[in-house]
Amino acid sequence: LHVMWEDLGEIRTLIVADDWLHRGV
């Protein structure tokens, strides 16, 4: 979570290992 401004953030660098995809991670 990168804060960009007083009311705004960015979700970045979201990665899930291939063998853990579709498991709610």
mmCIF file of all heavy atoms, coordinates in Angstrom:
data_MODEL
# 
_entry.id   MODEL 
# 
loop_
_atom_site.group_PDB 
_atom_site.id 
_atom_site.type_symbol 
_atom_site.label_atom_id 
_atom_site.label_alt_id 
_atom_site.label_comp_id 
_atom_site.label_asym_id 
_atom_site.label_entity_id 
_atom_site.label_seq_id 
_atom_site.pdbx_PDB_ins_code 
_atom_site.Cartn_x 
_atom_site.Cartn_y 
_atom_site.Cartn_z 
_atom_site.occupancy 
_atom_site.B_iso_or_equiv 
_atom_site.pdbx_formal_charge 
_atom_site.auth_seq_id 
_atom_site.auth_comp_id 
_atom_site.auth_asym_id 
_atom_site.auth_atom_id 
_atom_site.pdbx_PDB_model_num 
ATOM 1   N N   . LEU A 1 1  ? 0.868  -1.173  0.000   1.00 0.00 ? 1  LEU A N   1 
ATOM 2   C CA  . LEU A 1 1  ? 0.000  0.000   0.000   1.00 0.00 ? 1  LEU A CA  1 
ATOM 3   C C   . LEU A 1 1  ? 0.904  1.222   0.000   1.00 0.00 ? 1  LEU A C   1 
ATOM 4   O O   . LEU A 1 1  ? 1.669  1.433   0.940   1.00 0.00 ? 1  LEU A O   1 
ATOM 5   C CB  . LEU A 1 1  ? -0.898 0.017   1.235   1.00 0.00 ? 1  LEU A CB  1 
ATOM 6   C CG  . LEU A 1 1  ? -1.695 1.316   1.441   1.00 0.00 ? 1  LEU A CG  1 
ATOM 7   C CD1 . LEU A 1 1  ? -2.711 1.511   0.321   1.00 0.00 ? 1  LEU A CD1 1 
ATOM 8   C CD2 . LEU A 1 1  ? -2.371 1.305   2.803   1.00 0.00 ? 1  LEU A CD2 1 
ATOM 9   N N   . HIS A 1 2  ? 0.806  2.008   -1.060  1.00 0.00 ? 2  HIS A N   1 
ATOM 10  C CA  . HIS A 1 2  ? 1.601  3.228   -1.175  1.00 0.00 ? 2  HIS A CA  1 
ATOM 11  C C   . HIS A 1 2  ? 0.648  4.417   -1.067  1.00 0.00 ? 2  HIS A C   1 
ATOM 12  O O   . HIS A 1 2  ? -0.298 4.539   -1.856  1.00 0.00 ? 2  HIS A O   1 
ATOM 13  C CB  . HIS A 1 2  ? 2.317  3.247   -2.530  1.00 0.00 ? 2  HIS A CB  1 
ATOM 14  C CG  . HIS A 1 2  ? 3.175  4.450   -2.736  1.00 0.00 ? 2  HIS A CG  1 
ATOM 15  N ND1 . HIS A 1 2  ? 4.417  4.574   -2.164  1.00 0.00 ? 2  HIS A ND1 1 
ATOM 16  C CD2 . HIS A 1 2  ? 2.963  5.588   -3.443  1.00 0.00 ? 2  HIS A CD2 1 
ATOM 17  C CE1 . HIS A 1 2  ? 4.938  5.733   -2.525  1.00 0.00 ? 2  HIS A CE1 1 
ATOM 18  N NE2 . HIS A 1 2  ? 4.070  6.369   -3.286  1.00 0.00 ? 2  HIS A NE2 1 
ATOM 19  N N   . VAL A 1 3  ? 0.876  5.282   -0.073  1.00 0.00 ? 3  VAL A N   1 
ATOM 20  C CA  . VAL A 1 3  ? 0.048  6.475   0.079   1.00 0.00 ? 3  VAL A CA  1 
ATOM 21  C C   . VAL A 1 3  ? 0.477  7.496   -0.965  1.00 0.00 ? 3  VAL A C   1 
ATOM 22  O O   . VAL A 1 3  ? 1.662  7.809   -1.089  1.00 0.00 ? 3  VAL A O   1 
ATOM 23  C CB  . VAL A 1 3  ? 0.169  7.062   1.500   1.00 0.00 ? 3  VAL A CB  1 
ATOM 24  C CG1 . VAL A 1 3  ? -0.603 8.376   1.608   1.00 0.00 ? 3  VAL A CG1 1 
ATOM 25  C CG2 . VAL A 1 3  ? -0.327 6.064   2.533   1.00 0.00 ? 3  VAL A CG2 1 
ATOM 26  N N   . MET A 1 4  ? -0.508 7.995   -1.731  1.00 0.00 ? 4  MET A N   1 
ATOM 27  C CA  . MET A 1 4  ? -0.236 8.961   -2.790  1.00 0.00 ? 4  MET A CA  1 
ATOM 28  C C   . MET A 1 4  ? -0.660 10.375  -2.412  1.00 0.00 ? 4  MET A C   1 
ATOM 29  O O   . MET A 1 4  ? -0.053 11.350  -2.850  1.00 0.00 ? 4  MET A O   1 
ATOM 30  C CB  . MET A 1 4  ? -0.940 8.534   -4.084  1.00 0.00 ? 4  MET A CB  1 
ATOM 31  C CG  . MET A 1 4  ? -0.437 7.195   -4.592  1.00 0.00 ? 4  MET A CG  1 
ATOM 32  S SD  . MET A 1 4  ? -1.405 6.564   -5.972  1.00 0.00 ? 4  MET A SD  1 
ATOM 33  C CE  . MET A 1 4  ? -0.854 7.646   -7.268  1.00 0.00 ? 4  MET A CE  1 
ATOM 34  N N   . TRP A 1 5  ? -1.720 10.479  -1.627  1.00 0.00 ? 5  TRP A N   1 
ATOM 35  C CA  . TRP A 1 5  ? -2.252 11.783  -1.233  1.00 0.00 ? 5  TRP A CA  1 
ATOM 36  C C   . TRP A 1 5  ? -3.075 11.596  0.019   1.00 0.00 ? 5  TRP A C   1 
ATOM 37  O O   . TRP A 1 5  ? -3.246 10.471  0.490   1.00 0.00 ? 5  TRP A O   1 
ATOM 38  C CB  . TRP A 1 5  ? -3.084 12.383  -2.377  1.00 0.00 ? 5  TRP A CB  1 
ATOM 39  C CG  . TRP A 1 5  ? -3.243 13.881  -2.261  1.00 0.00 ? 5  TRP A CG  1 
ATOM 40  C CD1 . TRP A 1 5  ? -4.399 14.546  -1.990  1.00 0.00 ? 5  TRP A CD1 1 
ATOM 41  C CD2 . TRP A 1 5  ? -2.224 14.878  -2.386  1.00 0.00 ? 5  TRP A CD2 1 
ATOM 42  N NE1 . TRP A 1 5  ? -4.164 15.903  -1.944  1.00 0.00 ? 5  TRP A NE1 1 
ATOM 43  C CE2 . TRP A 1 5  ? -2.826 16.137  -2.181  1.00 0.00 ? 5  TRP A CE2 1 
ATOM 44  C CE3 . TRP A 1 5  ? -0.868 14.848  -2.634  1.00 0.00 ? 5  TRP A CE3 1 
ATOM 45  C CZ2 . TRP A 1 5  ? -2.138 17.335  -2.226  1.00 0.00 ? 5  TRP A CZ2 1 
ATOM 46  C CZ3 . TRP A 1 5  ? -0.165 16.030  -2.685  1.00 0.00 ? 5  TRP A CZ3 1 
ATOM 47  C CH2 . TRP A 1 5  ? -0.798 17.257  -2.489  1.00 0.00 ? 5  TRP A CH2 1 
ATOM 48  N N   . GLU A 1 6  ? -3.637 12.676  0.557   1.00 0.00 ? 6  GLU A N   1 
ATOM 49  C CA  . GLU A 1 6  ? -4.338 12.598  1.836   1.00 0.00 ? 6  GLU A CA  1 
ATOM 50  C C   . GLU A 1 6  ? -5.512 11.626  1.826   1.00 0.00 ? 6  GLU A C   1 
ATOM 51  O O   . GLU A 1 6  ? -5.877 11.086  2.876   1.00 0.00 ? 6  GLU A O   1 
ATOM 52  C CB  . GLU A 1 6  ? -4.802 13.976  2.289   1.00 0.00 ? 6  GLU A CB  1 
ATOM 53  C CG  . GLU A 1 6  ? -5.851 14.594  1.395   1.00 0.00 ? 6  GLU A CG  1 
ATOM 54  C CD  . GLU A 1 6  ? -6.202 16.019  1.815   1.00 0.00 ? 6  GLU A CD  1 
ATOM 55  O OE1 . GLU A 1 6  ? -6.060 16.353  3.003   1.00 0.00 ? 6  GLU A OE1 1 
ATOM 56  O OE2 . GLU A 1 6  ? -6.606 16.785  0.945   1.00 0.00 ? 6  GLU A OE2 1 
ATOM 57  N N   . ASP A 1 7  ? -6.107 11.391  0.672   1.00 0.00 ? 7  ASP A N   1 
ATOM 58  C CA  . ASP A 1 7  ? -7.267 10.510  0.593   1.00 0.00 ? 7  ASP A CA  1 
ATOM 59  C C   . ASP A 1 7  ? -7.047 9.321   -0.347  1.00 0.00 ? 7  ASP A C   1 
ATOM 60  O O   . ASP A 1 7  ? -7.948 8.530   -0.564  1.00 0.00 ? 7  ASP A O   1 
ATOM 61  C CB  . ASP A 1 7  ? -8.487 11.296  0.105   1.00 0.00 ? 7  ASP A CB  1 
ATOM 62  C CG  . ASP A 1 7  ? -8.329 11.799  -1.329  1.00 0.00 ? 7  ASP A CG  1 
ATOM 63  O OD1 . ASP A 1 7  ? -7.175 11.944  -1.806  1.00 0.00 ? 7  ASP A OD1 1 
ATOM 64  O OD2 . ASP A 1 7  ? -9.358 12.046  -1.989  1.00 0.00 ? 7  ASP A OD2 1 
ATOM 65  N N   . LEU A 1 8  ? -5.842 9.187   -0.892  1.00 0.00 ? 8  LEU A N   1 
ATOM 66  C CA  . LEU A 1 8  ? -5.616 8.261   -2.001  1.00 0.00 ? 8  LEU A CA  1 
ATOM 67  C C   . LEU A 1 8  ? -4.386 7.399   -1.779  1.00 0.00 ? 8  LEU A C   1 
ATOM 68  O O   . LEU A 1 8  ? -3.310 7.900   -1.446  1.00 0.00 ? 8  LEU A O   1 
ATOM 69  C CB  . LEU A 1 8  ? -5.433 9.077   -3.291  1.00 0.00 ? 8  LEU A CB  1 
ATOM 70  C CG  . LEU A 1 8  ? -5.164 8.317   -4.581  1.00 0.00 ? 8  LEU A CG  1 
ATOM 71  C CD1 . LEU A 1 8  ? -6.370 7.464   -4.974  1.00 0.00 ? 8  LEU A CD1 1 
ATOM 72  C CD2 . LEU A 1 8  ? -4.835 9.308   -5.697  1.00 0.00 ? 8  LEU A CD2 1 
ATOM 73  N N   . GLY A 1 9  ? -4.574 6.093   -1.965  1.00 0.00 ? 9  GLY A N   1 
ATOM 74  C CA  . GLY A 1 9  ? -3.461 5.154   -1.901  1.00 0.00 ? 9  GLY A CA  1 
ATOM 75  C C   . GLY A 1 9  ? -3.468 4.261   -3.119  1.00 0.00 ? 9  GLY A C   1 
ATOM 76  O O   . GLY A 1 9  ? -4.448 4.214   -3.865  1.00 0.00 ? 9  GLY A O   1 
ATOM 77  N N   . GLU A 1 10 ? -2.369 3.553   -3.304  1.00 0.00 ? 10 GLU A N   1 
ATOM 78  C CA  . GLU A 1 10 ? -2.250 2.622   -4.420  1.00 0.00 ? 10 GLU A CA  1 
ATOM 79  C C   . GLU A 1 10 ? -1.897 1.243   -3.902  1.00 0.00 ? 10 GLU A C   1 
ATOM 80  O O   . GLU A 1 10 ? -1.011 1.088   -3.056  1.00 0.00 ? 10 GLU A O   1 
ATOM 81  C CB  . GLU A 1 10 ? -1.158 3.066   -5.389  1.00 0.00 ? 10 GLU A CB  1 
ATOM 82  C CG  . GLU A 1 10 ? -0.975 2.094   -6.546  1.00 0.00 ? 10 GLU A CG  1 
ATOM 83  C CD  . GLU A 1 10 ? 0.230  2.403   -7.424  1.00 0.00 ? 10 GLU A CD  1 
ATOM 84  O OE1 . GLU A 1 10 ? 1.030  3.288   -7.087  1.00 0.00 ? 10 GLU A OE1 1 
ATOM 85  O OE2 . GLU A 1 10 ? 0.366  1.725   -8.460  1.00 0.00 ? 10 GLU A OE2 1 
ATOM 86  N N   . ILE A 1 11 ? -2.586 0.237   -4.410  1.00 0.00 ? 11 ILE A N   1 
ATOM 87  C CA  . ILE A 1 11 ? -2.169 -1.148  -4.197  1.00 0.00 ? 11 ILE A CA  1 
ATOM 88  C C   . ILE A 1 11 ? -1.176 -1.453  -5.295  1.00 0.00 ? 11 ILE A C   1 
ATOM 89  O O   . ILE A 1 11 ? -1.470 -1.285  -6.484  1.00 0.00 ? 11 ILE A O   1 
ATOM 90  C CB  . ILE A 1 11 ? -3.357 -2.113  -4.236  1.00 0.00 ? 11 ILE A CB  1 
ATOM 91  C CG1 . ILE A 1 11 ? -4.229 -1.896  -2.996  1.00 0.00 ? 11 ILE A CG1 1 
ATOM 92  C CG2 . ILE A 1 11 ? -2.871 -3.558  -4.328  1.00 0.00 ? 11 ILE A CG2 1 
ATOM 93  C CD1 . ILE A 1 11 ? -5.419 -2.806  -2.913  1.00 0.00 ? 11 ILE A CD1 1 
ATOM 94  N N   . ARG A 1 12 ? 0.019  -1.877  -4.889  1.00 0.00 ? 12 ARG A N   1 
ATOM 95  C CA  . ARG A 1 12 ? 1.056  -2.164  -5.880  1.00 0.00 ? 12 ARG A CA  1 
ATOM 96  C C   . ARG A 1 12 ? 1.803  -3.429  -5.486  1.00 0.00 ? 12 ARG A C   1 
ATOM 97  O O   . ARG A 1 12 ? 1.732  -3.890  -4.359  1.00 0.00 ? 12 ARG A O   1 
ATOM 98  C CB  . ARG A 1 12 ? 2.014  -0.980  -6.044  1.00 0.00 ? 12 ARG A CB  1 
ATOM 99  C CG  . ARG A 1 12 ? 2.632  -0.484  -4.771  1.00 0.00 ? 12 ARG A CG  1 
ATOM 100 C CD  . ARG A 1 12 ? 3.738  0.530   -4.965  1.00 0.00 ? 12 ARG A CD  1 
ATOM 101 N NE  . ARG A 1 12 ? 3.326  1.756   -5.617  1.00 0.00 ? 12 ARG A NE  1 
ATOM 102 C CZ  . ARG A 1 12 ? 4.082  2.830   -5.737  1.00 0.00 ? 12 ARG A CZ  1 
ATOM 103 N NH1 . ARG A 1 12 ? 5.288  2.849   -5.215  1.00 0.00 ? 12 ARG A NH1 1 
ATOM 104 N NH2 . ARG A 1 12 ? 3.649  3.908   -6.343  1.00 0.00 ? 12 ARG A NH2 1 
ATOM 105 N N   . THR A 1 13 ? 2.509  -3.965  -6.461  1.00 0.00 ? 13 THR A N   1 
ATOM 106 C CA  . THR A 1 13 ? 3.355  -5.141  -6.287  1.00 0.00 ? 13 THR A CA  1 
ATOM 107 C C   . THR A 1 13 ? 2.564  -6.297  -5.662  1.00 0.00 ? 13 THR A C   1 
ATOM 108 O O   . THR A 1 13 ? 3.026  -6.981  -4.751  1.00 0.00 ? 13 THR A O   1 
ATOM 109 C CB  . THR A 1 13 ? 4.622  -4.812  -5.453  1.00 0.00 ? 13 THR A CB  1 
ATOM 110 O OG1 . THR A 1 13 ? 5.131  -3.529  -5.827  1.00 0.00 ? 13 THR A OG1 1 
ATOM 111 C CG2 . THR A 1 13 ? 5.710  -5.838  -5.675  1.00 0.00 ? 13 THR A CG2 1 
ATOM 112 N N   . LEU A 1 14 ? 1.345  -6.518  -6.179  1.00 0.00 ? 14 LEU A N   1 
ATOM 113 C CA  . LEU A 1 14 ? 0.522  -7.641  -5.715  1.00 0.00 ? 14 LEU A CA  1 
ATOM 114 C C   . LEU A 1 14 ? 0.927  -8.876  -6.505  1.00 0.00 ? 14 LEU A C   1 
ATOM 115 O O   . LEU A 1 14 ? 0.761  -8.917  -7.725  1.00 0.00 ? 14 LEU A O   1 
ATOM 116 C CB  . LEU A 1 14 ? -0.959 -7.330  -5.902  1.00 0.00 ? 14 LEU A CB  1 
ATOM 117 C CG  . LEU A 1 14 ? -1.924 -8.411  -5.446  1.00 0.00 ? 14 LEU A CG  1 
ATOM 118 C CD1 . LEU A 1 14 ? -1.809 -8.653  -3.940  1.00 0.00 ? 14 LEU A CD1 1 
ATOM 119 C CD2 . LEU A 1 14 ? -3.348 -8.045  -5.817  1.00 0.00 ? 14 LEU A CD2 1 
ATOM 120 N N   . ILE A 1 15 ? 1.467  -9.857  -5.797  1.00 0.00 ? 15 ILE A N   1 
ATOM 121 C CA  . ILE A 1 15 ? 1.968  -11.077 -6.428  1.00 0.00 ? 15 ILE A CA  1 
ATOM 122 C C   . ILE A 1 15 ? 1.543  -12.269 -5.590  1.00 0.00 ? 15 ILE A C   1 
ATOM 123 O O   . ILE A 1 15 ? 1.619  -12.234 -4.357  1.00 0.00 ? 15 ILE A O   1 
ATOM 124 C CB  . ILE A 1 15 ? 3.510  -11.076 -6.506  1.00 0.00 ? 15 ILE A CB  1 
ATOM 125 C CG1 . ILE A 1 15 ? 4.037  -9.809  -7.180  1.00 0.00 ? 15 ILE A CG1 1 
ATOM 126 C CG2 . ILE A 1 15 ? 4.026  -12.325 -7.217  1.00 0.00 ? 15 ILE A CG2 1 
ATOM 127 C CD1 . ILE A 1 15 ? 5.537  -9.620  -7.002  1.00 0.00 ? 15 ILE A CD1 1 
ATOM 128 N N   . VAL A 1 16 ? 1.126  -13.335 -6.268  1.00 0.00 ? 16 VAL A N   1 
ATOM 129 C CA  . VAL A 1 16 ? 0.849  -14.609 -5.605  1.00 0.00 ? 16 VAL A CA  1 
ATOM 130 C C   . VAL A 1 16 ? 1.615  -15.685 -6.366  1.00 0.00 ? 16 VAL A C   1 
ATOM 131 O O   . VAL A 1 16 ? 1.581  -15.733 -7.598  1.00 0.00 ? 16 VAL A O   1 
ATOM 132 C CB  . VAL A 1 16 ? -0.668 -14.923 -5.601  1.00 0.00 ? 16 VAL A CB  1 
ATOM 133 C CG1 . VAL A 1 16 ? -0.928 -16.307 -5.015  1.00 0.00 ? 16 VAL A CG1 1 
ATOM 134 C CG2 . VAL A 1 16 ? -1.431 -13.855 -4.837  1.00 0.00 ? 16 VAL A CG2 1 
ATOM 135 N N   . ALA A 1 17 ? 2.311  -16.544 -5.625  1.00 0.00 ? 17 ALA A N   1 
ATOM 136 C CA  . ALA A 1 17 ? 3.048  -17.648 -6.250  1.00 0.00 ? 17 ALA A CA  1 
ATOM 137 C C   . ALA A 1 17 ? 2.088  -18.505 -7.074  1.00 0.00 ? 17 ALA A C   1 
ATOM 138 O O   . ALA A 1 17 ? 0.938  -18.743 -6.670  1.00 0.00 ? 17 ALA A O   1 
ATOM 139 C CB  . ALA A 1 17 ? 3.723  -18.496 -5.173  1.00 0.00 ? 17 ALA A CB  1 
ATOM 140 N N   . ASP A 1 18 ? 2.556  -18.949 -8.235  1.00 0.00 ? 18 ASP A N   1 
ATOM 141 C CA  . ASP A 1 18 ? 1.696  -19.710 -9.151  1.00 0.00 ? 18 ASP A CA  1 
ATOM 142 C C   . ASP A 1 18 ? 1.005  -20.882 -8.469  1.00 0.00 ? 18 ASP A C   1 
ATOM 143 O O   . ASP A 1 18 ? -0.175 -21.132 -8.716  1.00 0.00 ? 18 ASP A O   1 
ATOM 144 C CB  . ASP A 1 18 ? 2.512  -20.229 -10.350 1.00 0.00 ? 18 ASP A CB  1 
ATOM 145 C CG  . ASP A 1 18 ? 2.896  -19.118 -11.315 1.00 0.00 ? 18 ASP A CG  1 
ATOM 146 O OD1 . ASP A 1 18 ? 2.282  -18.028 -11.277 1.00 0.00 ? 18 ASP A OD1 1 
ATOM 147 O OD2 . ASP A 1 18 ? 3.829  -19.342 -12.120 1.00 0.00 ? 18 ASP A OD2 1 
ATOM 148 N N   . ASP A 1 19 ? 1.708  -21.603 -7.614  1.00 0.00 ? 19 ASP A N   1 
ATOM 149 C CA  . ASP A 1 19 ? 1.114  -22.774 -6.971  1.00 0.00 ? 19 ASP A CA  1 
ATOM 150 C C   . ASP A 1 19 ? 0.151  -22.404 -5.844  1.00 0.00 ? 19 ASP A C   1 
ATOM 151 O O   . ASP A 1 19 ? -0.455 -23.279 -5.224  1.00 0.00 ? 19 ASP A O   1 
ATOM 152 C CB  . ASP A 1 19 ? 2.194  -23.748 -6.479  1.00 0.00 ? 19 ASP A CB  1 
ATOM 153 C CG  . ASP A 1 19 ? 3.205  -23.127 -5.534  1.00 0.00 ? 19 ASP A CG  1 
ATOM 154 O OD1 . ASP A 1 19 ? 3.444  -21.902 -5.612  1.00 0.00 ? 19 ASP A OD1 1 
ATOM 155 O OD2 . ASP A 1 19 ? 3.770  -23.870 -4.711  1.00 0.00 ? 19 ASP A OD2 1 
ATOM 156 N N   . TRP A 1 20 ? -0.027 -21.103 -5.589  1.00 0.00 ? 20 TRP A N   1 
ATOM 157 C CA  . TRP A 1 20 ? -0.970 -20.650 -4.572  1.00 0.00 ? 20 TRP A CA  1 
ATOM 158 C C   . TRP A 1 20 ? -2.104 -19.816 -5.165  1.00 0.00 ? 20 TRP A C   1 
ATOM 159 O O   . TRP A 1 20 ? -2.912 -19.245 -4.424  1.00 0.00 ? 20 TRP A O   1 
ATOM 160 C CB  . TRP A 1 20 ? -0.240 -19.869 -3.477  1.00 0.00 ? 20 TRP A CB  1 
ATOM 161 C CG  . TRP A 1 20 ? 0.415  -20.825 -2.529  1.00 0.00 ? 20 TRP A CG  1 
ATOM 162 C CD1 . TRP A 1 20 ? 1.617  -21.456 -2.669  1.00 0.00 ? 20 TRP A CD1 1 
ATOM 163 C CD2 . TRP A 1 20 ? -0.144 -21.307 -1.313  1.00 0.00 ? 20 TRP A CD2 1 
ATOM 164 N NE1 . TRP A 1 20 ? 1.841  -22.289 -1.617  1.00 0.00 ? 20 TRP A NE1 1 
ATOM 165 C CE2 . TRP A 1 20 ? 0.771  -22.203 -0.761  1.00 0.00 ? 20 TRP A CE2 1 
ATOM 166 C CE3 . TRP A 1 20 ? -1.327 -21.046 -0.630  1.00 0.00 ? 20 TRP A CE3 1 
ATOM 167 C CZ2 . TRP A 1 20 ? 0.539  -22.865 0.438   1.00 0.00 ? 20 TRP A CZ2 1 
ATOM 168 C CZ3 . TRP A 1 20 ? -1.558 -21.691 0.570   1.00 0.00 ? 20 TRP A CZ3 1 
ATOM 169 C CH2 . TRP A 1 20 ? -0.629 -22.597 1.086   1.00 0.00 ? 20 TRP A CH2 1 
ATOM 170 N N   . LEU A 1 21 ? -2.181 -19.734 -6.490  1.00 0.00 ? 21 LEU A N   1 
ATOM 171 C CA  . LEU A 1 21 ? -3.274 -19.003 -7.130  1.00 0.00 ? 21 LEU A CA  1 
ATOM 172 C C   . LEU A 1 21 ? -4.610 -19.691 -6.840  1.00 0.00 ? 21 LEU A C   1 
ATOM 173 O O   . LEU A 1 21 ? -4.667 -20.911 -6.685  1.00 0.00 ? 21 LEU A O   1 
ATOM 174 C CB  . LEU A 1 21 ? -3.042 -18.915 -8.641  1.00 0.00 ? 21 LEU A CB  1 
ATOM 175 C CG  . LEU A 1 21 ? -1.897 -18.018 -9.086  1.00 0.00 ? 21 LEU A CG  1 
ATOM 176 C CD1 . LEU A 1 21 ? -1.634 -18.190 -10.582 1.00 0.00 ? 21 LEU A CD1 1 
ATOM 177 C CD2 . LEU A 1 21 ? -2.174 -16.562 -8.750  1.00 0.00 ? 21 LEU A CD2 1 
ATOM 178 N N   . HIS A 1 22 ? -5.668 -18.905 -6.780  1.00 0.00 ? 22 HIS A N   1 
ATOM 179 C CA  . HIS A 1 22 ? -7.045 -19.387 -6.602  1.00 0.00 ? 22 HIS A CA  1 
ATOM 180 C C   . HIS A 1 22 ? -7.248 -20.076 -5.254  1.00 0.00 ? 22 HIS A C   1 
ATOM 181 O O   . HIS A 1 22 ? -8.064 -20.974 -5.129  1.00 0.00 ? 22 HIS A O   1 
ATOM 182 C CB  . HIS A 1 22 ? -7.456 -20.308 -7.758  1.00 0.00 ? 22 HIS A CB  1 
ATOM 183 C CG  . HIS A 1 22 ? -7.193 -19.698 -9.100  1.00 0.00 ? 22 HIS A CG  1 
ATOM 184 N ND1 . HIS A 1 22 ? -7.892 -18.608 -9.567  1.00 0.00 ? 22 HIS A ND1 1 
ATOM 185 C CD2 . HIS A 1 22 ? -6.275 -20.000 -10.056 1.00 0.00 ? 22 HIS A CD2 1 
ATOM 186 C CE1 . HIS A 1 22 ? -7.417 -18.273 -10.756 1.00 0.00 ? 22 HIS A CE1 1 
ATOM 187 N NE2 . HIS A 1 22 ? -6.441 -19.096 -11.066 1.00 0.00 ? 22 HIS A NE2 1 
ATOM 188 N N   . ARG A 1 23 ? -6.496 -19.625 -4.252  1.00 0.00 ? 23 ARG A N   1 
ATOM 189 C CA  . ARG A 1 23 ? -6.646 -20.173 -2.905  1.00 0.00 ? 23 ARG A CA  1 
ATOM 190 C C   . ARG A 1 23 ? -6.929 -19.056 -1.901  1.00 0.00 ? 23 ARG A C   1 
ATOM 191 O O   . ARG A 1 23 ? -6.813 -19.258 -0.701  1.00 0.00 ? 23 ARG A O   1 
ATOM 192 C CB  . ARG A 1 23 ? -5.398 -20.959 -2.520  1.00 0.00 ? 23 ARG A CB  1 
ATOM 193 C CG  . ARG A 1 23 ? -5.257 -22.215 -3.378  1.00 0.00 ? 23 ARG A CG  1 
ATOM 194 C CD  . ARG A 1 23 ? -3.918 -22.888 -3.250  1.00 0.00 ? 23 ARG A CD  1 
ATOM 195 N NE  . ARG A 1 23 ? -3.778 -23.594 -1.991  1.00 0.00 ? 23 ARG A NE  1 
ATOM 196 C CZ  . ARG A 1 23 ? -2.729 -24.351 -1.702  1.00 0.00 ? 23 ARG A CZ  1 
ATOM 197 N NH1 . ARG A 1 23 ? -1.758 -24.513 -2.570  1.00 0.00 ? 23 ARG A NH1 1 
ATOM 198 N NH2 . ARG A 1 23 ? -2.648 -24.955 -0.535  1.00 0.00 ? 23 ARG A NH2 1 
ATOM 199 N N   . GLY A 1 24 ? -7.286 -17.868 -2.394  1.00 0.00 ? 24 GLY A N   1 
ATOM 200 C CA  . GLY A 1 24 ? -7.667 -16.762 -1.525  1.00 0.00 ? 24 GLY A CA  1 
ATOM 201 C C   . GLY A 1 24 ? -6.515 -15.890 -1.052  1.00 0.00 ? 24 GLY A C   1 
ATOM 202 O O   . GLY A 1 24 ? -6.733 -14.951 -0.294  1.00 0.00 ? 24 GLY A O   1 
ATOM 203 N N   . VAL A 1 25 ? -5.304 -16.175 -1.514  1.00 0.00 ? 25 VAL A N   1 
ATOM 204 C CA  . VAL A 1 25 ? -4.142 -15.411 -1.055  1.00 0.00 ? 25 VAL A CA  1 
ATOM 205 C C   . VAL A 1 25 ? -4.227 -13.960 -1.527  1.00 0.00 ? 25 VAL A C   1 
ATOM 206 O O   . VAL A 1 25 ? -4.067 -13.027 -0.727  1.00 0.00 ? 25 VAL A O   1 
ATOM 207 C CB  . VAL A 1 25 ? -2.824 -16.070 -1.520  1.00 0.00 ? 25 VAL A CB  1 
ATOM 208 C CG1 . VAL A 1 25 ? -1.624 -15.204 -1.170  1.00 0.00 ? 25 VAL A CG1 1 
ATOM 209 C CG2 . VAL A 1 25 ? -2.679 -17.467 -0.915  1.00 0.00 ? 25 VAL A CG2 1 
# 
